[in-house]
Amino acid sequence: MFAIISTLNNTKFLFLKRLVSPYLLVSLDFTLPLKFL
């Protein structure tokens, strides 16, 4: 039972990471040019 729960948590974490990473990359693209101005 515990193995099933941990597997679900891992897949949920990977899914969240995949959702969030594009936003992080976009925000980095916006903030980096501002720092160099």
N, C-alpha and C. Protein backbone atom coordinates (compact mmCIF):
# COMPACT_ATOMS: atom_id res chain seq x y z
N MET A 1 0.83 -1.20 0.00
CA MET A 1 0.00 0.00 0.00
C MET A 1 0.87 1.26 0.00
N PHE A 2 1.90 1.24 0.82
CA PHE A 2 2.76 2.42 0.91
C PHE A 2 3.47 2.68 -0.42
N ALA A 3 3.84 1.60 -1.10
CA ALA A 3 4.54 1.77 -2.39
C ALA A 3 3.63 2.46 -3.41
N ILE A 4 2.35 2.11 -3.38
CA ILE A 4 1.41 2.73 -4.32
C ILE A 4 1.29 4.22 -4.03
N ILE A 5 1.21 4.57 -2.75
CA ILE A 5 1.07 5.98 -2.38
C ILE A 5 2.32 6.76 -2.78
N SER A 6 3.48 6.20 -2.52
CA SER A 6 4.72 6.92 -2.87
C SER A 6 4.85 7.07 -4.38
N THR A 7 4.41 6.07 -5.12
CA THR A 7 4.46 6.18 -6.58
C THR A 7 3.54 7.28 -7.07
N LEU A 8 2.35 7.37 -6.47
CA LEU A 8 1.42 8.43 -6.85
C LEU A 8 2.02 9.80 -6.52
N ASN A 9 2.66 9.90 -5.37
CA ASN A 9 3.27 11.18 -4.99
C ASN A 9 4.39 11.55 -5.95
N ASN A 10 5.18 10.57 -6.37
CA ASN A 10 6.28 10.86 -7.29
C ASN A 10 5.76 11.34 -8.64
N THR A 11 4.72 10.68 -9.14
CA THR A 11 4.18 11.10 -10.44
C THR A 11 3.53 12.47 -10.33
N LYS A 12 2.89 12.75 -9.19
CA LYS A 12 2.29 14.07 -8.99
C LYS A 12 3.37 15.14 -8.96
N PHE A 13 4.49 14.84 -8.30
CA PHE A 13 5.58 15.80 -8.21
C PHE A 13 6.20 16.05 -9.59
N LEU A 14 6.39 14.98 -10.36
CA LEU A 14 6.94 15.16 -11.71
C LEU A 14 5.99 15.97 -12.58
N PHE A 15 4.69 15.72 -12.42
CA PHE A 15 3.70 16.46 -13.20
C PHE A 15 3.74 17.94 -12.84
N LEU A 16 3.81 18.23 -11.55
CA LEU A 16 3.88 19.63 -11.11
C LEU A 16 5.15 20.29 -11.60
N LYS A 17 6.26 19.54 -11.53
CA LYS A 17 7.53 20.11 -11.97
C LYS A 17 7.47 20.42 -13.47
N ARG A 18 6.82 19.53 -14.22
CA ARG A 18 6.71 19.76 -15.66
C ARG A 18 5.82 20.95 -15.95
N LEU A 19 4.80 21.16 -15.11
CA LEU A 19 3.92 22.31 -15.31
C LEU A 19 4.63 23.61 -14.95
N VAL A 20 5.41 23.58 -13.89
CA VAL A 20 5.99 24.82 -13.35
C VAL A 20 7.24 25.25 -14.12
N SER A 21 8.03 24.30 -14.61
CA SER A 21 9.31 24.65 -15.21
C SER A 21 9.20 25.60 -16.40
N PRO A 22 8.20 25.47 -17.29
CA PRO A 22 8.11 26.47 -18.36
C PRO A 22 7.88 27.89 -17.83
N TYR A 23 7.07 28.01 -16.78
CA TYR A 23 6.83 29.34 -16.20
C TYR A 23 8.11 29.90 -15.60
N LEU A 24 8.91 29.04 -14.95
CA LEU A 24 10.16 29.50 -14.38
C LEU A 24 11.11 29.96 -15.47
N LEU A 25 11.16 29.22 -16.58
CA LEU A 25 12.04 29.61 -17.68
C LEU A 25 11.60 30.93 -18.28
N VAL A 26 10.30 31.12 -18.42
CA VAL A 26 9.79 32.37 -18.99
C VAL A 26 10.10 33.53 -18.07
N SER A 27 9.90 33.34 -16.77
CA SER A 27 10.16 34.43 -15.83
C SER A 27 11.64 34.76 -15.79
N LEU A 28 12.50 33.74 -15.93
CA LEU A 28 13.93 34.01 -15.99
C LEU A 28 14.26 34.81 -17.24
N ASP A 29 13.63 34.49 -18.37
CA ASP A 29 13.87 35.22 -19.60
C ASP A 29 13.47 36.68 -19.45
N PHE A 30 12.44 36.94 -18.63
CA PHE A 30 12.01 38.32 -18.44
C PHE A 30 12.90 39.07 -17.45
N THR A 31 13.37 38.39 -16.41
CA THR A 31 14.10 39.10 -15.36
C THR A 31 15.56 39.32 -15.74
N LEU A 32 16.15 38.40 -16.51
CA LEU A 32 17.56 38.56 -16.84
C LEU A 32 17.84 39.82 -17.66
N PRO A 33 17.08 40.12 -18.71
CA PRO A 33 17.35 41.37 -19.43
C PRO A 33 17.16 42.61 -18.56
N LEU A 34 16.20 42.56 -17.63
CA LEU A 34 15.98 43.71 -16.76
C LEU A 34 17.19 43.97 -15.88
N LYS A 35 17.88 42.91 -15.47
CA LYS A 35 19.05 43.10 -14.61
C LYS A 35 20.19 43.77 -15.37
N PHE A 36 20.25 43.53 -16.67
CA PHE A 36 21.36 44.08 -17.45
C PHE A 36 21.09 45.50 -17.93
N LEU A 37 19.87 45.97 -17.77
CA LEU A 37 19.56 47.34 -18.20
C LEU A 37 20.21 48.37 -17.30
